[in-house]
Amino acid sequence: MKYQQQAIEKLKEYDVHPSIQRVMILDYLLSCNVHPTVDDIYSALLKDTPTLSRATVYNTVNKLVEVGLVRQLKDIDKKEARYDACLETHGHFKCVKCGKIFDFKVCDKLILDKKLEGFTVNTKTVYFQGVCPECNKVNS
């Protein structure tokens, strides 16, 4: 539980009761950057918590998305939703060969155009798709 204290503080900051399951799930999301699915989270946590249910993970992740502690990446994987606890503005790159999703830095000022003056931007999404360096090595 690498980020357990941070998870507790964030849950309290967002007025979410820090139950054991919520802390565990948010801790997992904060500590990994693989953009897991609900099944990935469930499988990873089941080893240490055999009483954990898939429904609990699903409901907790939905609650974390609802309050703004976690982002749901809807467009990046057509089969199932992925989740990201990094709330800083950044982009995502999905490798079409291995399916891994990578984060990359994005400069807000380069995204927001003068044509958007007067608009309220609620969501910023930068998403690239291609082949990652590891998969490119295999093809070479």
N, C-alpha and C. Protein backbone atom coordinates (compact mmCIF):
# COMPACT_ATOMS: atom_id res chain seq x y z
N MET A 1 0.85 -1.18 0.00
CA MET A 1 0.00 0.00 0.00
C MET A 1 0.90 1.24 0.00
N LYS A 2 1.47 1.47 -1.15
CA LYS A 2 2.45 2.53 -1.34
C LYS A 2 1.88 3.93 -1.09
N TYR A 3 0.67 4.16 -1.54
CA TYR A 3 0.06 5.49 -1.44
C TYR A 3 -1.13 5.50 -0.49
N GLN A 4 -1.13 4.62 0.48
CA GLN A 4 -2.30 4.47 1.36
C GLN A 4 -2.67 5.78 2.06
N GLN A 5 -1.71 6.47 2.64
CA GLN A 5 -2.01 7.72 3.35
C GLN A 5 -2.52 8.78 2.39
N GLN A 6 -1.91 8.86 1.22
CA GLN A 6 -2.36 9.81 0.20
C GLN A 6 -3.79 9.49 -0.23
N ALA A 7 -4.10 8.22 -0.38
CA ALA A 7 -5.45 7.80 -0.77
C ALA A 7 -6.46 8.22 0.30
N ILE A 8 -6.12 8.00 1.56
CA ILE A 8 -7.02 8.40 2.66
C ILE A 8 -7.26 9.90 2.63
N GLU A 9 -6.19 10.68 2.47
CA GLU A 9 -6.32 12.14 2.45
C GLU A 9 -7.15 12.62 1.27
N LYS A 10 -6.94 12.03 0.10
CA LYS A 10 -7.70 12.43 -1.09
C LYS A 10 -9.18 12.09 -0.93
N LEU A 11 -9.48 10.92 -0.40
CA LEU A 11 -10.88 10.54 -0.18
C LEU A 11 -11.55 11.54 0.76
N LYS A 12 -10.88 11.88 1.84
CA LYS A 12 -11.45 12.84 2.80
C LYS A 12 -11.62 14.22 2.15
N GLU A 13 -10.63 14.62 1.36
CA GLU A 13 -10.69 15.92 0.67
C GLU A 13 -11.91 16.00 -0.25
N TYR A 14 -12.29 14.89 -0.85
CA TYR A 14 -13.42 14.84 -1.76
C TYR A 14 -14.71 14.38 -1.06
N ASP A 15 -14.68 14.41 0.27
CA ASP A 15 -15.85 14.03 1.09
C ASP A 15 -16.35 12.62 0.81
N VAL A 16 -15.42 11.70 0.64
CA VAL A 16 -15.76 10.30 0.44
C VAL A 16 -15.23 9.54 1.66
N HIS A 17 -16.11 8.77 2.30
CA HIS A 17 -15.70 7.99 3.47
C HIS A 17 -14.58 7.02 3.07
N PRO A 18 -13.43 7.06 3.76
CA PRO A 18 -12.31 6.20 3.39
C PRO A 18 -12.45 4.77 3.93
N SER A 19 -13.36 4.01 3.35
CA SER A 19 -13.51 2.60 3.75
C SER A 19 -12.26 1.84 3.32
N ILE A 20 -12.08 0.68 3.88
CA ILE A 20 -10.90 -0.13 3.55
C ILE A 20 -10.83 -0.40 2.05
N GLN A 21 -11.97 -0.76 1.45
CA GLN A 21 -11.99 -1.07 0.02
C GLN A 21 -11.68 0.16 -0.83
N ARG A 22 -12.24 1.30 -0.47
CA ARG A 22 -11.99 2.53 -1.24
C ARG A 22 -10.52 2.92 -1.16
N VAL A 23 -9.95 2.84 0.03
CA VAL A 23 -8.53 3.18 0.21
C VAL A 23 -7.67 2.23 -0.62
N MET A 24 -7.96 0.94 -0.55
CA MET A 24 -7.20 -0.07 -1.27
C MET A 24 -7.27 0.16 -2.78
N ILE A 25 -8.45 0.44 -3.29
CA ILE A 25 -8.63 0.62 -4.73
C ILE A 25 -7.97 1.91 -5.20
N LEU A 26 -8.16 3.00 -4.47
CA LEU A 26 -7.52 4.26 -4.86
C LEU A 26 -6.01 4.15 -4.74
N ASP A 27 -5.52 3.49 -3.69
CA ASP A 27 -4.09 3.27 -3.53
C ASP A 27 -3.52 2.54 -4.74
N TYR A 28 -4.23 1.51 -5.19
CA TYR A 28 -3.78 0.75 -6.37
C TYR A 28 -3.73 1.66 -7.60
N LEU A 29 -4.77 2.44 -7.79
CA LEU A 29 -4.81 3.33 -8.96
C LEU A 29 -3.73 4.40 -8.91
N LEU A 30 -3.42 4.88 -7.72
CA LEU A 30 -2.36 5.90 -7.58
C LEU A 30 -0.97 5.30 -7.80
N SER A 31 -0.82 4.02 -7.47
CA SER A 31 0.50 3.42 -7.53
C SER A 31 0.85 2.80 -8.89
N CYS A 32 -0.13 2.66 -9.75
CA CYS A 32 0.18 2.07 -11.05
C CYS A 32 -0.18 3.06 -12.16
N ASN A 33 0.50 2.92 -13.26
CA ASN A 33 0.19 3.80 -14.40
C ASN A 33 -0.13 2.98 -15.64
N VAL A 34 -0.76 1.81 -15.41
CA VAL A 34 -1.09 0.94 -16.53
C VAL A 34 -2.52 1.15 -17.03
N HIS A 35 -3.24 2.08 -16.42
CA HIS A 35 -4.60 2.38 -16.84
C HIS A 35 -5.46 1.12 -16.84
N PRO A 36 -5.66 0.55 -15.65
CA PRO A 36 -6.33 -0.75 -15.54
C PRO A 36 -7.83 -0.69 -15.81
N THR A 37 -8.37 -1.85 -16.11
CA THR A 37 -9.82 -2.03 -16.19
C THR A 37 -10.30 -2.44 -14.80
N VAL A 38 -11.60 -2.51 -14.60
CA VAL A 38 -12.14 -2.99 -13.33
C VAL A 38 -11.64 -4.41 -13.06
N ASP A 39 -11.62 -5.25 -14.09
CA ASP A 39 -11.14 -6.62 -13.92
C ASP A 39 -9.66 -6.66 -13.53
N ASP A 40 -8.86 -5.76 -14.09
CA ASP A 40 -7.44 -5.69 -13.73
C ASP A 40 -7.28 -5.34 -12.25
N ILE A 41 -8.06 -4.35 -11.81
CA ILE A 41 -7.99 -3.92 -10.40
C ILE A 41 -8.42 -5.06 -9.50
N TYR A 42 -9.53 -5.67 -9.84
CA TYR A 42 -10.06 -6.79 -9.06
C TYR A 42 -9.02 -7.92 -8.95
N SER A 43 -8.44 -8.31 -10.05
CA SER A 43 -7.46 -9.40 -10.06
C SER A 43 -6.23 -9.06 -9.24
N ALA A 44 -5.77 -7.82 -9.35
CA ALA A 44 -4.57 -7.41 -8.61
C ALA A 44 -4.81 -7.39 -7.10
N LEU A 45 -5.99 -6.99 -6.68
CA LEU A 45 -6.27 -6.85 -5.25
C LEU A 45 -6.80 -8.13 -4.61
N LEU A 46 -7.30 -9.04 -5.42
CA LEU A 46 -7.90 -10.27 -4.90
C LEU A 46 -6.89 -11.14 -4.15
N LYS A 47 -5.62 -11.09 -4.57
CA LYS A 47 -4.58 -11.90 -3.93
C LYS A 47 -4.49 -11.60 -2.43
N ASP A 48 -4.53 -10.30 -2.09
CA ASP A 48 -4.40 -9.88 -0.69
C ASP A 48 -5.74 -9.78 0.02
N THR A 49 -6.83 -9.71 -0.74
CA THR A 49 -8.15 -9.55 -0.16
C THR A 49 -9.13 -10.51 -0.83
N PRO A 50 -9.11 -11.78 -0.41
CA PRO A 50 -9.96 -12.78 -1.08
C PRO A 50 -11.46 -12.54 -0.94
N THR A 51 -11.87 -11.69 0.01
CA THR A 51 -13.30 -11.41 0.19
C THR A 51 -13.79 -10.27 -0.71
N LEU A 52 -12.89 -9.65 -1.44
CA LEU A 52 -13.24 -8.54 -2.32
C LEU A 52 -14.12 -9.04 -3.47
N SER A 53 -15.16 -8.29 -3.77
CA SER A 53 -16.03 -8.68 -4.89
C SER A 53 -15.81 -7.75 -6.08
N ARG A 54 -16.08 -8.28 -7.25
CA ARG A 54 -15.96 -7.48 -8.48
C ARG A 54 -16.95 -6.30 -8.42
N ALA A 55 -18.13 -6.53 -7.85
CA ALA A 55 -19.14 -5.47 -7.73
C ALA A 55 -18.63 -4.33 -6.85
N THR A 56 -17.92 -4.65 -5.78
CA THR A 56 -17.36 -3.62 -4.91
C THR A 56 -16.35 -2.78 -5.68
N VAL A 57 -15.50 -3.43 -6.46
CA VAL A 57 -14.51 -2.69 -7.26
C VAL A 57 -15.23 -1.80 -8.26
N TYR A 58 -16.20 -2.35 -8.96
CA TYR A 58 -16.96 -1.61 -9.96
C TYR A 58 -17.65 -0.39 -9.33
N ASN A 59 -18.34 -0.60 -8.23
CA ASN A 59 -19.06 0.50 -7.56
C ASN A 59 -18.10 1.55 -7.00
N THR A 60 -16.98 1.10 -6.47
CA THR A 60 -16.00 2.04 -5.91
C THR A 60 -15.37 2.88 -7.01
N VAL A 61 -14.98 2.25 -8.10
CA VAL A 61 -14.38 2.98 -9.21
C VAL A 61 -15.38 4.00 -9.76
N ASN A 62 -16.64 3.60 -9.91
CA ASN A 62 -17.67 4.54 -10.38
C ASN A 62 -17.82 5.72 -9.43
N LYS A 63 -17.76 5.47 -8.13
CA LYS A 63 -17.85 6.54 -7.13
C LYS A 63 -16.65 7.48 -7.27
N LEU A 64 -15.46 6.92 -7.43
CA LEU A 64 -14.25 7.74 -7.57
C LEU A 64 -14.29 8.59 -8.84
N VAL A 65 -14.87 8.05 -9.90
CA VAL A 65 -15.04 8.82 -11.14
C VAL A 65 -16.07 9.93 -10.91
N GLU A 66 -17.16 9.58 -10.27
CA GLU A 66 -18.26 10.52 -10.01
C GLU A 66 -17.79 11.75 -9.23
N VAL A 67 -16.95 11.55 -8.23
CA VAL A 67 -16.49 12.68 -7.40
C VAL A 67 -15.28 13.39 -8.00
N GLY A 68 -14.68 12.81 -9.06
CA GLY A 68 -13.57 13.48 -9.73
C GLY A 68 -12.19 13.06 -9.25
N LEU A 69 -12.09 11.97 -8.52
CA LEU A 69 -10.79 11.49 -8.05
C LEU A 69 -10.07 10.62 -9.08
N VAL A 70 -10.83 10.08 -10.01
CA VAL A 70 -10.29 9.18 -11.03
C VAL A 70 -10.96 9.53 -12.35
N ARG A 71 -10.20 9.39 -13.43
CA ARG A 71 -10.74 9.61 -14.77
C ARG A 71 -11.03 8.28 -15.44
N GLN A 72 -12.14 8.25 -16.14
CA GLN A 72 -12.45 7.08 -16.95
C GLN A 72 -12.01 7.39 -18.37
N LEU A 73 -11.20 6.52 -18.93
CA LEU A 73 -10.74 6.67 -20.31
C LEU A 73 -11.68 5.86 -21.18
N LYS A 74 -12.64 6.53 -21.76
CA LYS A 74 -13.70 5.85 -22.51
C LYS A 74 -13.29 5.52 -23.94
N ASP A 75 -12.61 6.45 -24.59
CA ASP A 75 -12.34 6.30 -26.02
C ASP A 75 -11.08 5.51 -26.34
N ILE A 76 -10.29 5.21 -25.32
CA ILE A 76 -8.98 4.61 -25.57
C ILE A 76 -9.07 3.10 -25.82
N ASP A 77 -10.07 2.47 -25.28
CA ASP A 77 -10.24 1.02 -25.46
C ASP A 77 -11.71 0.77 -25.76
N LYS A 78 -11.98 0.31 -26.95
CA LYS A 78 -13.37 0.11 -27.37
C LYS A 78 -14.06 -1.04 -26.62
N LYS A 79 -13.27 -1.98 -26.06
CA LYS A 79 -13.83 -3.15 -25.40
C LYS A 79 -14.28 -2.86 -23.98
N GLU A 80 -13.45 -2.14 -23.21
CA GLU A 80 -13.78 -1.88 -21.81
C GLU A 80 -13.13 -0.59 -21.33
N ALA A 81 -13.73 0.00 -20.31
CA ALA A 81 -13.23 1.27 -19.78
C ALA A 81 -11.93 1.05 -19.03
N ARG A 82 -11.05 2.02 -19.13
CA ARG A 82 -9.79 2.06 -18.40
C ARG A 82 -9.86 3.22 -17.42
N TYR A 83 -9.03 3.19 -16.38
CA TYR A 83 -9.09 4.21 -15.34
C TYR A 83 -7.71 4.78 -15.04
N ASP A 84 -7.70 6.08 -14.71
CA ASP A 84 -6.47 6.82 -14.49
C ASP A 84 -6.64 7.73 -13.28
N ALA A 85 -5.76 7.60 -12.29
CA ALA A 85 -5.83 8.43 -11.10
C ALA A 85 -4.97 9.68 -11.22
N CYS A 86 -4.23 9.82 -12.31
CA CYS A 86 -3.43 11.03 -12.54
C CYS A 86 -4.36 12.10 -13.11
N LEU A 87 -4.59 13.15 -12.33
CA LEU A 87 -5.53 14.18 -12.74
C LEU A 87 -4.86 15.37 -13.42
N GLU A 88 -3.53 15.36 -13.48
CA GLU A 88 -2.82 16.43 -14.18
C GLU A 88 -3.10 16.29 -15.68
N THR A 89 -3.07 17.40 -16.39
CA THR A 89 -3.29 17.35 -17.83
C THR A 89 -2.15 16.56 -18.47
N HIS A 90 -2.51 15.53 -19.20
CA HIS A 90 -1.54 14.71 -19.92
C HIS A 90 -2.27 13.97 -21.03
N GLY A 91 -1.50 13.44 -21.96
CA GLY A 91 -2.07 12.69 -23.06
C GLY A 91 -1.85 11.21 -22.88
N HIS A 92 -2.49 10.44 -23.74
CA HIS A 92 -2.37 8.99 -23.71
C HIS A 92 -2.01 8.48 -25.11
N PHE A 93 -1.14 7.50 -25.14
CA PHE A 93 -0.77 6.82 -26.37
C PHE A 93 -1.08 5.34 -26.18
N LYS A 94 -1.86 4.77 -27.08
CA LYS A 94 -2.18 3.34 -27.01
C LYS A 94 -1.48 2.62 -28.14
N CYS A 95 -0.72 1.59 -27.76
CA CYS A 95 -0.05 0.76 -28.76
C CYS A 95 -1.06 -0.23 -29.34
N VAL A 96 -1.18 -0.22 -30.65
CA VAL A 96 -2.14 -1.11 -31.31
C VAL A 96 -1.65 -2.56 -31.36
N LYS A 97 -0.37 -2.78 -31.05
CA LYS A 97 0.19 -4.14 -31.06
C LYS A 97 0.01 -4.81 -29.70
N CYS A 98 0.52 -4.17 -28.63
CA CYS A 98 0.51 -4.82 -27.31
C CYS A 98 -0.65 -4.35 -26.43
N GLY A 99 -1.30 -3.25 -26.81
CA GLY A 99 -2.45 -2.75 -26.06
C GLY A 99 -2.10 -1.89 -24.86
N LYS A 100 -0.79 -1.69 -24.59
CA LYS A 100 -0.40 -0.87 -23.45
C LYS A 100 -0.75 0.59 -23.71
N ILE A 101 -1.03 1.30 -22.63
CA ILE A 101 -1.35 2.72 -22.72
C ILE A 101 -0.28 3.49 -21.96
N PHE A 102 0.29 4.48 -22.60
CA PHE A 102 1.38 5.27 -22.04
C PHE A 102 0.92 6.71 -21.84
N ASP A 103 1.40 7.34 -20.78
CA ASP A 103 1.15 8.76 -20.53
C ASP A 103 2.25 9.59 -21.18
N PHE A 104 1.90 10.80 -21.60
CA PHE A 104 2.93 11.75 -22.03
C PHE A 104 2.47 13.15 -21.64
N LYS A 105 3.44 14.02 -21.44
CA LYS A 105 3.15 15.39 -21.00
C LYS A 105 2.53 16.18 -22.14
N VAL A 106 1.63 17.07 -21.76
CA VAL A 106 0.96 17.94 -22.72
C VAL A 106 0.97 19.34 -22.13
N CYS A 107 1.29 20.32 -22.94
CA CYS A 107 1.29 21.71 -22.49
C CYS A 107 -0.10 22.30 -22.75
N ASP A 108 -0.79 22.67 -21.66
CA ASP A 108 -2.13 23.27 -21.77
C ASP A 108 -2.18 24.43 -22.75
N LYS A 109 -1.17 25.25 -22.71
CA LYS A 109 -1.18 26.47 -23.52
C LYS A 109 -1.15 26.15 -25.02
N LEU A 110 -0.60 25.01 -25.37
CA LEU A 110 -0.57 24.61 -26.79
C LEU A 110 -1.90 24.03 -27.25
N ILE A 111 -2.68 23.54 -26.31
CA ILE A 111 -3.97 22.94 -26.65
C ILE A 111 -5.05 24.01 -26.78
N LEU A 112 -5.08 24.92 -25.84
CA LEU A 112 -6.17 25.90 -25.80
C LEU A 112 -5.91 27.01 -26.81
N ASP A 113 -6.77 27.13 -27.76
CA ASP A 113 -6.66 28.06 -28.86
C ASP A 113 -7.45 29.33 -28.55
N LYS A 114 -7.07 30.43 -29.15
CA LYS A 114 -7.80 31.69 -28.97
C LYS A 114 -9.26 31.55 -29.39
N LYS A 115 -9.53 30.66 -30.31
CA LYS A 115 -10.90 30.45 -30.78
C LYS A 115 -11.79 29.91 -29.67
N LEU A 116 -11.18 29.43 -28.57
CA LEU A 116 -11.95 28.89 -27.45
C LEU A 116 -12.22 29.93 -26.36
N GLU A 117 -11.77 31.17 -26.59
CA GLU A 117 -12.03 32.21 -25.60
C GLU A 117 -13.53 32.36 -25.40
N GLY A 118 -13.94 32.41 -24.13
CA GLY A 118 -15.35 32.51 -23.80
C GLY A 118 -16.00 31.15 -23.56
N PHE A 119 -15.33 30.09 -23.99
CA PHE A 119 -15.84 28.74 -23.76
C PHE A 119 -15.38 28.26 -22.38
N THR A 120 -16.15 27.39 -21.77
CA THR A 120 -15.72 26.71 -20.54
C THR A 120 -15.33 25.30 -20.93
N VAL A 121 -14.06 24.97 -20.70
CA VAL A 121 -13.55 23.65 -21.04
C VAL A 121 -13.67 22.76 -19.81
N ASN A 122 -14.45 21.69 -19.92
CA ASN A 122 -14.63 20.76 -18.81
C ASN A 122 -13.68 19.58 -18.89
N THR A 123 -13.37 19.15 -20.09
CA THR A 123 -12.53 17.98 -20.28
C THR A 123 -11.54 18.23 -21.40
N LYS A 124 -10.29 17.82 -21.17
CA LYS A 124 -9.27 17.90 -22.22
C LYS A 124 -8.75 16.49 -22.45
N THR A 125 -8.82 16.01 -23.68
CA THR A 125 -8.38 14.67 -24.00
C THR A 125 -7.44 14.72 -25.20
N VAL A 126 -6.23 14.20 -25.01
CA VAL A 126 -5.28 14.07 -26.10
C VAL A 126 -4.96 12.58 -26.18
N TYR A 127 -5.22 11.98 -27.31
CA TYR A 127 -5.09 10.54 -27.46
C TYR A 127 -4.46 10.21 -28.80
N PHE A 128 -3.33 9.51 -28.74
CA PHE A 128 -2.65 9.04 -29.94
C PHE A 128 -2.69 7.52 -29.95
N GLN A 129 -2.62 6.98 -31.15
CA GLN A 129 -2.61 5.54 -31.31
C GLN A 129 -1.52 5.19 -32.31
N GLY A 130 -0.82 4.12 -32.08
CA GLY A 130 0.26 3.70 -32.98
C GLY A 130 0.97 2.50 -32.41
N VAL A 131 2.28 2.43 -32.64
CA VAL A 131 3.09 1.30 -32.19
C VAL A 131 4.16 1.83 -31.24
N CYS A 132 4.26 1.21 -30.06
CA CYS A 132 5.23 1.65 -29.06
C CYS A 132 6.65 1.21 -29.45
N PRO A 133 7.68 1.82 -28.84
CA PRO A 133 9.06 1.46 -29.18
C PRO A 133 9.39 -0.02 -28.98
N GLU A 134 8.85 -0.63 -27.94
CA GLU A 134 9.12 -2.05 -27.67
C GLU A 134 8.57 -2.92 -28.80
N CYS A 135 7.36 -2.63 -29.23
CA CYS A 135 6.76 -3.40 -30.33
C CYS A 135 7.46 -3.11 -31.65
N ASN A 136 7.96 -1.87 -31.83
CA ASN A 136 8.71 -1.53 -33.04
C ASN A 136 9.99 -2.33 -33.14
N LYS A 137 10.63 -2.62 -31.97
CA LYS A 137 11.86 -3.42 -31.96
C LYS A 137 11.58 -4.84 -32.46
N VAL A 138 10.45 -5.39 -32.07
CA VAL A 138 10.08 -6.75 -32.47
C VAL A 138 9.89 -6.82 -33.97
N ASN A 139 9.35 -5.74 -34.55
CA ASN A 139 9.09 -5.72 -36.00
C ASN A 139 10.32 -5.43 -36.83
N SER A 140 11.40 -4.98 -36.19
CA SER A 140 12.61 -4.61 -36.95
C SER A 140 13.48 -5.79 -37.25
